Amino acid sequence: MTSAGFDAKFLGTTAGIPVLTESGAADAVELDGSTTIDYTHFSLAMSKSRKFASWVAWNIDGGEMKALSRNNIPFVKDPRVPAAFQTGDELYRDNRLDRGHLARRADLCWGPKAEAQKANRDSFFFTNITPQMDDFNQSTKEGLWGRLEDAVLADVDVDNLKVSVYGGPVFNADDRIFRSVAIPREFYKAIAFVVDGELRCSAFLLTQNIVVAEALDLDEFRVFQVSLTELEKRVSLTFPAELHAADTASVQLLDETERKPLDSLADIRW
């Protein structure tokens, strides 16, 4: 049986989906009366004004992963969503912007082969894509941001090797405009997992400073561990109470001006 969308009970305990704020819901694309759009192993909500997902939530079954190729899978707009509310190839042609997956392609390729293959294809819908500088996107494959899900599975005794992840761009009013599109320069990710029957959630913020001039240049990117409460100040959604109760970020974490970026995976408080 094919899994439809994000499974809130995937971890064996409820870890629900984000809830859009009033303004976030007013700006969201509705499909069949819902702002949640389902794919194989993941779900998301689309911002009409920004033409990117405001959140994506996905399940990872580390014990059922399949190694599938990305070759010959095109990036396409989701026909279920009005094209006017999606950002497609018109943004990415002839420049240094990469099409960056929000829900990582490899994270979704699990389960029976046909199901894993469908998830692989689903990951290439532009609804799951945001622009990232080529340096940023390529380098993070080996960097902290690209290794967070792998790290929790490797470093923590996660029950049943199952993880649920929430992520997306942060929409800032002063994001730079390129080809009539506001380019997000910050992204968030929250990783939920169970250890010895106890739900935990660790949240992260990546800041990417982009200078959009005639040429697109990448200044630098930094990854911080943050609390869900802090993330909520930056986005038009709230996280479920269960995840707040499971947040591993100590209330003693330094404020924004004093906090240091993560230097390595060893700095993470799981």
C-alpha atoms as a PDB file:
ATOM      1  CA  MET A   1       0.000   0.000   0.000  1.00  0.00           C
ATOM      2  CA  THR A   2       1.363   3.401  -0.961  1.00  0.00           C
ATOM      3  CA  SER A   3       1.886   5.852   1.850  1.00  0.00           C
ATOM      4  CA  ALA A   4      -0.010   9.067   1.202  1.00  0.00           C
ATOM      5  CA  GLY A   5       1.601  12.075   2.767  1.00  0.00           C
ATOM      6  CA  PHE A   6       3.308  12.686   6.093  1.00  0.00           C
ATOM      7  CA  ASP A   7       2.355  10.193   8.799  1.00  0.00           C
ATOM      8  CA  ALA A   8       1.938  12.028  12.129  1.00  0.00           C
ATOM      9  CA  LYS A   9       2.083   8.709  14.038  1.00  0.00           C
ATOM     10  CA  PHE A  10       5.085   7.356  12.137  1.00  0.00           C
ATOM     11  CA  LEU A  11       7.292   7.432  15.253  1.00  0.00           C
ATOM     12  CA  GLY A  12       4.815   5.395  17.276  1.00  0.00           C
ATOM     13  CA  THR A  13       3.747   8.488  19.174  1.00  0.00           C
ATOM     14  CA  THR A  14       1.912  11.508  17.847  1.00  0.00           C
ATOM     15  CA  ALA A  15       4.100  14.224  16.339  1.00  0.00           C
ATOM     16  CA  GLY A  16       1.667  16.263  14.287  1.00  0.00           C
ATOM     17  CA  ILE A  17       2.069  18.631  11.369  1.00  0.00           C
ATOM     18  CA  PRO A  18       2.715  22.370  11.671  1.00  0.00           C
ATOM     19  CA  VAL A  19      -0.323  24.635  11.906  1.00  0.00           C
ATOM     20  CA  LEU A  20      -0.296  27.783   9.804  1.00  0.00           C
ATOM     21  CA  THR A  21      -0.980  31.078  11.532  1.00  0.00           C
ATOM     22  CA  GLU A  22      -3.998  33.084  10.408  1.00  0.00           C
ATOM     23  CA  SER A  23      -1.889  35.076   7.961  1.00  0.00           C
ATOM     24  CA  GLY A  24      -0.068  31.957   6.818  1.00  0.00           C
ATOM     25  CA  ALA A  25      -3.343  30.144   6.145  1.00  0.00           C
ATOM     26  CA  ALA A  26      -4.726  33.125   4.230  1.00  0.00           C
ATOM     27  CA  ASP A  27      -1.645  32.990   1.983  1.00  0.00           C
ATOM     28  CA  ALA A  28      -1.702  29.203   1.499  1.00  0.00           C
ATOM     29  CA  VAL A  29      -2.787  27.295  -1.585  1.00  0.00           C
ATOM     30  CA  GLU A  30      -5.814  25.104  -0.898  1.00  0.00           C
ATOM     31  CA  LEU A  31      -6.205  21.687  -2.469  1.00  0.00           C
ATOM     32  CA  ASP A  32      -9.483  19.862  -1.898  1.00  0.00           C
ATOM     33  CA  GLY A  33     -10.289  22.285   0.919  1.00  0.00           C
ATOM     34  CA  SER A  34      -7.008  21.742   2.763  1.00  0.00           C
ATOM     35  CA  THR A  35      -3.776  23.742   2.939  1.00  0.00           C
ATOM     36  CA  THR A  36      -1.854  20.456   3.344  1.00  0.00           C
ATOM     37  CA  ILE A  37      -0.736  18.899   0.058  1.00  0.00           C
ATOM     38  CA  ASP A  38       0.266  15.220   0.219  1.00  0.00           C
ATOM     39  CA  TYR A  39       2.971  13.314  -1.651  1.00  0.00           C
ATOM     40  CA  THR A  40       4.636   9.942  -1.093  1.00  0.00           C
ATOM     41  CA  HIS A  41       6.233  10.055   2.392  1.00  0.00           C
ATOM     42  CA  PHE A  42       5.883  13.844   2.706  1.00  0.00           C
ATOM     43  CA  SER A  43       3.391  16.707   2.879  1.00  0.00           C
ATOM     44  CA  LEU A  44       3.710  20.466   2.509  1.00  0.00           C
ATOM     45  CA  ALA A  45       1.934  23.823   2.429  1.00  0.00           C
ATOM     46  CA  MET A  46       2.501  26.343  -0.370  1.00  0.00           C
ATOM     47  CA  SER A  47       2.698  30.128   0.026  1.00  0.00           C
ATOM     48  CA  LYS A  48       0.819  31.912  -2.765  1.00  0.00           C
ATOM     49  CA  SER A  49       2.759  35.140  -2.347  1.00  0.00           C
ATOM     50  CA  ARG A  50       6.234  33.595  -2.181  1.00  0.00           C
ATOM     51  CA  LYS A  51       5.559  30.638  -4.529  1.00  0.00           C
ATOM     52  CA  PHE A  52       7.554  28.264  -2.339  1.00  0.00           C
ATOM     53  CA  ALA A  53       6.557  25.830   0.411  1.00  0.00           C
ATOM     54  CA  SER A  54       6.212  27.431   3.827  1.00  0.00           C
ATOM     55  CA  TRP A  55       6.724  24.029   5.436  1.00  0.00           C
ATOM     56  CA  VAL A  56       7.491  20.475   4.364  1.00  0.00           C
ATOM     57  CA  ALA A  57       7.176  17.489   6.717  1.00  0.00           C
ATOM     58  CA  TRP A  58       8.601  14.087   5.846  1.00  0.00           C
ATOM     59  CA  ASN A  59       9.120  10.645   7.332  1.00  0.00           C
ATOM     60  CA  ILE A  60      12.372   8.665   7.088  1.00  0.00           C
ATOM     61  CA  ASP A  61      12.591   4.913   7.670  1.00  0.00           C
ATOM     62  CA  GLY A  62      16.321   4.375   8.080  1.00  0.00           C
ATOM     63  CA  GLY A  63      15.930   0.614   8.053  1.00  0.00           C
ATOM     64  CA  GLU A  64      14.076   0.517   4.740  1.00  0.00           C
ATOM     65  CA  MET A  65      16.155   2.902   2.613  1.00  0.00           C
ATOM     66  CA  LYS A  66      16.576   2.187  -1.099  1.00  0.00           C
ATOM     67  CA  ALA A  67      19.500   3.512  -3.170  1.00  0.00           C
ATOM     68  CA  LEU A  68      17.740   4.973  -6.216  1.00  0.00           C
ATOM     69  CA  SER A  69      19.144   7.055  -9.033  1.00  0.00           C
ATOM     70  CA  ARG A  70      18.039  10.622  -9.689  1.00  0.00           C
ATOM     71  CA  ASN A  71      18.912  10.320 -13.376  1.00  0.00           C
ATOM     72  CA  ASN A  72      16.234  11.177 -15.940  1.00  0.00           C
ATOM     73  CA  ILE A  73      13.763  12.531 -13.380  1.00  0.00           C
ATOM     74  CA  PRO A  74      12.676  16.009 -14.491  1.00  0.00           C
ATOM     75  CA  PHE A  75      11.849  18.903 -12.194  1.00  0.00           C
ATOM     76  CA  VAL A  76       8.188  19.668 -12.896  1.00  0.00           C
ATOM     77  CA  LYS A  77       5.397  21.799 -11.523  1.00  0.00           C
ATOM     78  CA  ASP A  78       2.680  19.909  -9.648  1.00  0.00           C
ATOM     79  CA  PRO A  79      -0.389  19.904 -11.935  1.00  0.00           C
ATOM     80  CA  ARG A  80      -2.655  19.920  -8.882  1.00  0.00           C
ATOM     81  CA  VAL A  81      -1.365  23.351  -7.820  1.00  0.00           C
ATOM     82  CA  PRO A  82      -1.981  26.476  -9.940  1.00  0.00           C
ATOM     83  CA  ALA A  83       1.214  27.179 -11.892  1.00  0.00           C
ATOM     84  CA  ALA A  84       0.971  30.847 -10.849  1.00  0.00           C
ATOM     85  CA  PHE A  85       1.740  29.772  -7.261  1.00  0.00           C
ATOM     86  CA  GLN A  86       4.842  27.705  -8.137  1.00  0.00           C
ATOM     87  CA  THR A  87       8.364  28.808  -9.043  1.00  0.00           C
ATOM     88  CA  GLY A  88       9.715  26.793 -11.961  1.00  0.00           C
ATOM     89  CA  ASP A  89      12.642  26.691 -14.346  1.00  0.00           C
ATOM     90  CA  GLU A  90      12.173  30.331 -15.288  1.00  0.00           C
ATOM     91  CA  LEU A  91      14.090  31.223 -12.109  1.00  0.00           C
ATOM     92  CA  TYR A  92      16.967  28.771 -12.526  1.00  0.00           C
ATOM     93  CA  ARG A  93      17.970  29.097 -16.180  1.00  0.00           C
ATOM     94  CA  ASP A  94      21.430  30.469 -16.996  1.00  0.00           C
ATOM     95  CA  ASN A  95      22.576  31.411 -13.504  1.00  0.00           C
ATOM     96  CA  ARG A  96      24.228  29.940 -10.420  1.00  0.00           C
ATOM     97  CA  LEU A  97      21.033  29.083  -8.576  1.00  0.00           C
ATOM     98  CA  ASP A  98      20.480  25.384  -7.892  1.00  0.00           C
ATOM     99  CA  ARG A  99      17.140  23.703  -7.505  1.00  0.00           C
ATOM    100  CA  GLY A 100      17.452  22.666  -3.866  1.00  0.00           C
ATOM    101  CA  HIS A 101      15.251  19.939  -2.377  1.00  0.00           C
ATOM    102  CA  LEU A 102      13.555  20.841   0.911  1.00  0.00           C
ATOM    103  CA  ALA A 103      12.626  17.237   1.778  1.00  0.00           C
ATOM    104  CA  ARG A 104      15.885  15.495   0.858  1.00  0.00           C
ATOM    105  CA  ARG A 105      15.448  13.113  -2.037  1.00  0.00           C
ATOM    106  CA  ALA A 106      17.437  10.323  -0.374  1.00  0.00           C
ATOM    107  CA  ASP A 107      15.368  10.651   2.825  1.00  0.00           C
ATOM    108  CA  LEU A 108      12.195   9.758   0.933  1.00  0.00           C
ATOM    109  CA  CYS A 109      13.427   6.661  -0.922  1.00  0.00           C
ATOM    110  CA  TRP A 110      12.326   3.889   1.413  1.00  0.00           C
ATOM    111  CA  GLY A 111       9.741   1.142   1.623  1.00  0.00           C
ATOM    112  CA  PRO A 112       8.700  -1.287  -1.122  1.00  0.00           C
ATOM    113  CA  LYS A 113      10.525  -0.551  -4.375  1.00  0.00           C
ATOM    114  CA  ALA A 114       7.536   0.876  -6.262  1.00  0.00           C
ATOM    115  CA  GLU A 115       6.695   3.132  -3.322  1.00  0.00           C
ATOM    116  CA  ALA A 116      10.305   4.297  -2.976  1.00  0.00           C
ATOM    117  CA  GLN A 117      10.437   5.028  -6.704  1.00  0.00           C
ATOM    118  CA  LYS A 118       7.259   7.105  -6.496  1.00  0.00           C
ATOM    119  CA  ALA A 119       8.675   9.058  -3.549  1.00  0.00           C
ATOM    120  CA  ASN A 120      11.864   9.631  -5.551  1.00  0.00           C
ATOM    121  CA  ARG A 121       9.851  11.127  -8.430  1.00  0.00           C
ATOM    122  CA  ASP A 122       7.576  13.121  -6.108  1.00  0.00           C
ATOM    123  CA  SER A 123      10.612  14.832  -4.568  1.00  0.00           C
ATOM    124  CA  PHE A 124      11.253  16.610  -7.887  1.00  0.00           C
ATOM    125  CA  PHE A 125       8.008  18.607  -7.916  1.00  0.00           C
ATOM    126  CA  PHE A 126       8.857  22.317  -7.775  1.00  0.00           C
ATOM    127  CA  THR A 127       6.643  22.551  -4.680  1.00  0.00           C
ATOM    128  CA  ASN A 128       9.518  20.792  -2.825  1.00  0.00           C
ATOM    129  CA  ILE A 129      12.236  22.998  -4.347  1.00  0.00           C
ATOM    130  CA  THR A 130      13.782  26.304  -3.305  1.00  0.00           C
ATOM    131  CA  PRO A 131      16.628  28.245  -4.900  1.00  0.00           C
ATOM    132  CA  GLN A 132      20.037  27.783  -3.342  1.00  0.00           C
ATOM    133  CA  MET A 133      23.383  29.046  -4.541  1.00  0.00           C
ATOM    134  CA  ASP A 134      25.324  26.308  -6.310  1.00  0.00           C
ATOM    135  CA  ASP A 135      28.224  26.608  -3.830  1.00  0.00           C
ATOM    136  CA  PHE A 136      25.806  26.454  -0.900  1.00  0.00           C
ATOM    137  CA  ASN A 137      23.817  23.523  -2.209  1.00  0.00           C
ATOM    138  CA  GLN A 138      26.789  21.469  -3.366  1.00  0.00           C
ATOM    139  CA  SER A 139      28.913  22.165  -0.308  1.00  0.00           C
ATOM    140  CA  THR A 140      26.133  21.357   2.146  1.00  0.00           C
ATOM    141  CA  LYS A 141      25.970  17.850   0.750  1.00  0.00           C
ATOM    142  CA  GLU A 142      29.114  17.261   2.775  1.00  0.00           C
ATOM    143  CA  GLY A 143      28.402  20.006   5.287  1.00  0.00           C
ATOM    144  CA  LEU A 144      26.406  20.176   8.487  1.00  0.00           C
ATOM    145  CA  TRP A 145      23.062  21.031   6.927  1.00  0.00           C
ATOM    146  CA  GLY A 146      23.040  18.129   4.520  1.00  0.00           C
ATOM    147  CA  ARG A 147      24.110  15.643   7.194  1.00  0.00           C
ATOM    148  CA  LEU A 148      21.681  16.413  10.018  1.00  0.00           C
ATOM    149  CA  GLU A 149      19.304  13.521   9.315  1.00  0.00           C
ATOM    150  CA  ASP A 150      22.193  11.101   8.800  1.00  0.00           C
ATOM    151  CA  ALA A 151      23.819  12.330  11.989  1.00  0.00           C
ATOM    152  CA  VAL A 152      20.844  11.651  14.242  1.00  0.00           C
ATOM    153  CA  LEU A 153      20.543   8.118  12.843  1.00  0.00           C
ATOM    154  CA  ALA A 154      24.286   7.552  13.302  1.00  0.00           C
ATOM    155  CA  ASP A 155      24.832   9.257  16.655  1.00  0.00           C
ATOM    156  CA  VAL A 156      21.646   8.520  18.586  1.00  0.00           C
ATOM    157  CA  ASP A 157      20.042   5.194  19.503  1.00  0.00           C
ATOM    158  CA  VAL A 158      16.858   6.087  17.631  1.00  0.00           C
ATOM    159  CA  ASP A 159      13.961   3.670  18.143  1.00  0.00           C
ATOM    160  CA  ASN A 160      13.303   1.614  14.970  1.00  0.00           C
ATOM    161  CA  LEU A 161      15.598   3.939  12.943  1.00  0.00           C
ATOM    162  CA  LYS A 162      12.602   6.176  12.266  1.00  0.00           C
ATOM    163  CA  VAL A 163      12.801   9.965  12.061  1.00  0.00           C
ATOM    164  CA  SER A 164      10.320  12.704  11.138  1.00  0.00           C
ATOM    165  CA  VAL A 165      11.623  16.001   9.785  1.00  0.00           C
ATOM    166  CA  TYR A 166      10.051  19.429   9.348  1.00  0.00           C
ATOM    167  CA  GLY A 167      11.701  22.083   7.226  1.00  0.00           C
ATOM    168  CA  GLY A 168      11.335  25.022   4.901  1.00  0.00           C
ATOM    169  CA  PRO A 169      12.487  28.510   4.025  1.00  0.00           C
ATOM    170  CA  VAL A 170      12.160  31.552   6.271  1.00  0.00           C
ATOM    171  CA  PHE A 171      10.361  34.319   4.402  1.00  0.00           C
ATOM    172  CA  ASN A 172      11.940  37.666   5.284  1.00  0.00           C
ATOM    173  CA  ALA A 173      10.530  40.996   4.104  1.00  0.00           C
ATOM    174  CA  ASP A 174      13.979  42.092   2.940  1.00  0.00           C
ATOM    175  CA  ASP A 175      14.853  38.957   0.941  1.00  0.00           C
ATOM    176  CA  ARG A 176      16.604  39.973  -2.267  1.00  0.00           C
ATOM    177  CA  ILE A 177      14.595  39.973  -5.487  1.00  0.00           C
ATOM    178  CA  PHE A 178      15.974  38.140  -8.516  1.00  0.00           C
ATOM    179  CA  ARG A 179      13.940  37.641 -11.694  1.00  0.00           C
ATOM    180  CA  SER A 180      10.906  38.957  -9.795  1.00  0.00           C
ATOM    181  CA  VAL A 181      11.301  36.245  -7.142  1.00  0.00           C
ATOM    182  CA  ALA A 182      12.231  36.909  -3.503  1.00  0.00           C
ATOM    183  CA  ILE A 183      15.073  34.486  -2.733  1.00  0.00           C
ATOM    184  CA  PRO A 184      14.998  33.030   0.815  1.00  0.00           C
ATOM    185  CA  ARG A 185      18.321  33.337   2.617  1.00  0.00           C
ATOM    186  CA  GLU A 186      17.373  31.378   5.738  1.00  0.00           C
ATOM    187  CA  PHE A 187      16.063  27.856   6.189  1.00  0.00           C
ATOM    188  CA  TYR A 188      14.889  25.850   9.177  1.00  0.00           C
ATOM    189  CA  LYS A 189      14.759  22.187  10.037  1.00  0.00           C
ATOM    190  CA  ALA A 190      13.332  20.333  13.045  1.00  0.00           C
ATOM    191  CA  ILE A 191      14.138  16.652  13.504  1.00  0.00           C
ATOM    192  CA  ALA A 192      11.876  14.487  15.666  1.00  0.00           C
ATOM    193  CA  PHE A 193      12.800  10.994  16.871  1.00  0.00           C
ATOM    194  CA  VAL A 194      12.190   8.612  19.748  1.00  0.00           C
ATOM    195  CA  VAL A 195      14.821   7.296  22.173  1.00  0.00           C
ATOM    196  CA  ASP A 196      13.787   4.608  24.668  1.00  0.00           C
ATOM    197  CA  GLY A 197      10.160   5.486  24.081  1.00  0.00           C
ATOM    198  CA  GLU A 198      10.720   9.215  24.665  1.00  0.00           C
ATOM    199  CA  LEU A 199       9.996  11.744  21.910  1.00  0.00           C
ATOM    200  CA  ARG A 200      12.753  14.278  21.223  1.00  0.00           C
ATOM    201  CA  CYS A 201      12.971  17.159  18.771  1.00  0.00           C
ATOM    202  CA  SER A 202      16.053  19.167  17.754  1.00  0.00           C
ATOM    203  CA  ALA A 203      15.661  22.333  15.669  1.00  0.00           C
ATOM    204  CA  PHE A 204      18.134  24.208  13.485  1.00  0.00           C
ATOM    205  CA  LEU A 205      18.373  27.443  11.540  1.00  0.00           C
ATOM    206  CA  LEU A 206      20.604  27.947   8.520  1.00  0.00           C
ATOM    207  CA  THR A 207      21.406  31.520   7.565  1.00  0.00           C
ATOM    208  CA  GLN A 208      22.500  32.032   3.997  1.00  0.00           C
ATOM    209  CA  ASN A 209      23.485  35.574   3.100  1.00  0.00           C
ATOM    210  CA  ILE A 210      23.021  36.134  -0.608  1.00  0.00           C
ATOM    211  CA  VAL A 211      24.128  39.246  -2.436  1.00  0.00           C
ATOM    212  CA  VAL A 212      22.027  39.448  -5.569  1.00  0.00           C
ATOM    213  CA  ALA A 213      23.648  41.823  -8.013  1.00  0.00           C
ATOM    214  CA  GLU A 214      24.516  41.311 -11.654  1.00  0.00           C
ATOM    215  CA  ALA A 215      26.257  38.168 -10.458  1.00  0.00           C
ATOM    216  CA  LEU A 216      24.904  36.020  -7.650  1.00  0.00           C
ATOM    217  CA  ASP A 217      27.428  35.700  -4.861  1.00  0.00           C
ATOM    218  CA  LEU A 218      27.392  33.624  -1.710  1.00  0.00           C
ATOM    219  CA  ASP A 219      28.775  35.324   1.373  1.00  0.00           C
ATOM    220  CA  GLU A 220      28.632  32.464   3.851  1.00  0.00           C
ATOM    221  CA  PHE A 221      26.173  30.185   5.568  1.00  0.00           C
ATOM    222  CA  ARG A 222      25.999  29.217   9.208  1.00  0.00           C
ATOM    223  CA  VAL A 223      23.995  26.614  11.082  1.00  0.00           C
ATOM    224  CA  PHE A 224      22.616  27.258  14.576  1.00  0.00           C
ATOM    225  CA  GLN A 225      20.744  25.018  16.969  1.00  0.00           C
ATOM    226  CA  VAL A 226      17.639  26.887  18.102  1.00  0.00           C
ATOM    227  CA  SER A 227      14.423  26.277  19.985  1.00  0.00           C
ATOM    228  CA  LEU A 228      11.096  25.690  18.265  1.00  0.00           C
ATOM    229  CA  THR A 229       9.811  28.800  20.024  1.00  0.00           C
ATOM    230  CA  GLU A 230      12.505  30.855  18.345  1.00  0.00           C
ATOM    231  CA  LEU A 231      11.724  29.353  14.951  1.00  0.00           C
ATOM    232  CA  GLU A 232       8.068  30.241  15.390  1.00  0.00           C
ATOM    233  CA  LYS A 233       9.008  33.919  15.671  1.00  0.00           C
ATOM    234  CA  ARG A 234      10.421  33.725  12.139  1.00  0.00           C
ATOM    235  CA  VAL A 235       7.741  31.720  10.311  1.00  0.00           C
ATOM    236  CA  SER A 236       3.978  31.786   9.757  1.00  0.00           C
ATOM    237  CA  LEU A 237       3.299  28.520  11.548  1.00  0.00           C
ATOM    238  CA  THR A 238       3.345  26.855  14.943  1.00  0.00           C
ATOM    239  CA  PHE A 239       4.742  23.469  15.807  1.00  0.00           C
ATOM    240  CA  PRO A 240       2.661  20.845  17.649  1.00  0.00           C
ATOM    241  CA  ALA A 241       2.666  20.933  21.448  1.00  0.00           C
ATOM    242  CA  GLU A 242       4.153  17.417  21.504  1.00  0.00           C
ATOM    243  CA  LEU A 243       7.257  18.678  19.702  1.00  0.00           C
ATOM    244  CA  HIS A 244       7.603  21.698  21.989  1.00  0.00           C
ATOM    245  CA  ALA A 245       7.519  19.375  24.994  1.00  0.00           C
ATOM    246  CA  ALA A 246      10.233  17.268  23.338  1.00  0.00           C
ATOM    247  CA  ASP A 247      12.513  20.179  22.350  1.00  0.00           C
ATOM    248  CA  THR A 248      16.152  19.386  23.170  1.00  0.00           C
ATOM    249  CA  ALA A 249      17.247  23.044  22.974  1.00  0.00           C
ATOM    250  CA  SER A 250      17.815  24.166  26.520  1.00  0.00           C
ATOM    251  CA  VAL A 251      16.084  27.325  27.705  1.00  0.00           C
ATOM    252  CA  GLN A 252      19.610  28.327  28.678  1.00  0.00           C
ATOM    253  CA  LEU A 253      20.686  28.617  25.033  1.00  0.00           C
ATOM    254  CA  LEU A 254      22.334  31.960  24.470  1.00  0.00           C
ATOM    255  CA  ASP A 255      20.380  34.735  22.829  1.00  0.00           C
ATOM    256  CA  GLU A 256      20.842  35.466  19.153  1.00  0.00           C
ATOM    257  CA  THR A 257      23.656  37.982  19.528  1.00  0.00           C
ATOM    258  CA  GLU A 258      25.811  35.673  21.653  1.00  0.00           C
ATOM    259  CA  ARG A 259      25.047  32.317  20.114  1.00  0.00           C
ATOM    260  CA  LYS A 260      27.798  30.613  18.159  1.00  0.00           C
ATOM    261  CA  PRO A 261      27.224  28.648  14.952  1.00  0.00           C
ATOM    262  CA  LEU A 262      27.717  24.899  15.017  1.00  0.00           C
ATOM    263  CA  ASP A 263      31.269  23.989  14.035  1.00  0.00           C
ATOM    264  CA  SER A 264      30.627  20.273  13.789  1.00  0.00           C
ATOM    265  CA  LEU A 265      27.980  17.636  14.323  1.00  0.00           C
ATOM    266  CA  ALA A 266      29.512  17.022  17.756  1.00  0.00           C
ATOM    267  CA  ASP A 267      28.193  20.426  18.876  1.00  0.00           C
ATOM    268  CA  ILE A 268      24.561  19.320  18.477  1.00  0.00           C
ATOM    269  CA  ARG A 269      22.429  18.666  21.543  1.00  0.00           C
ATOM    270  CA  TRP A 270      20.295  15.680  20.565  1.00  0.00           C
END
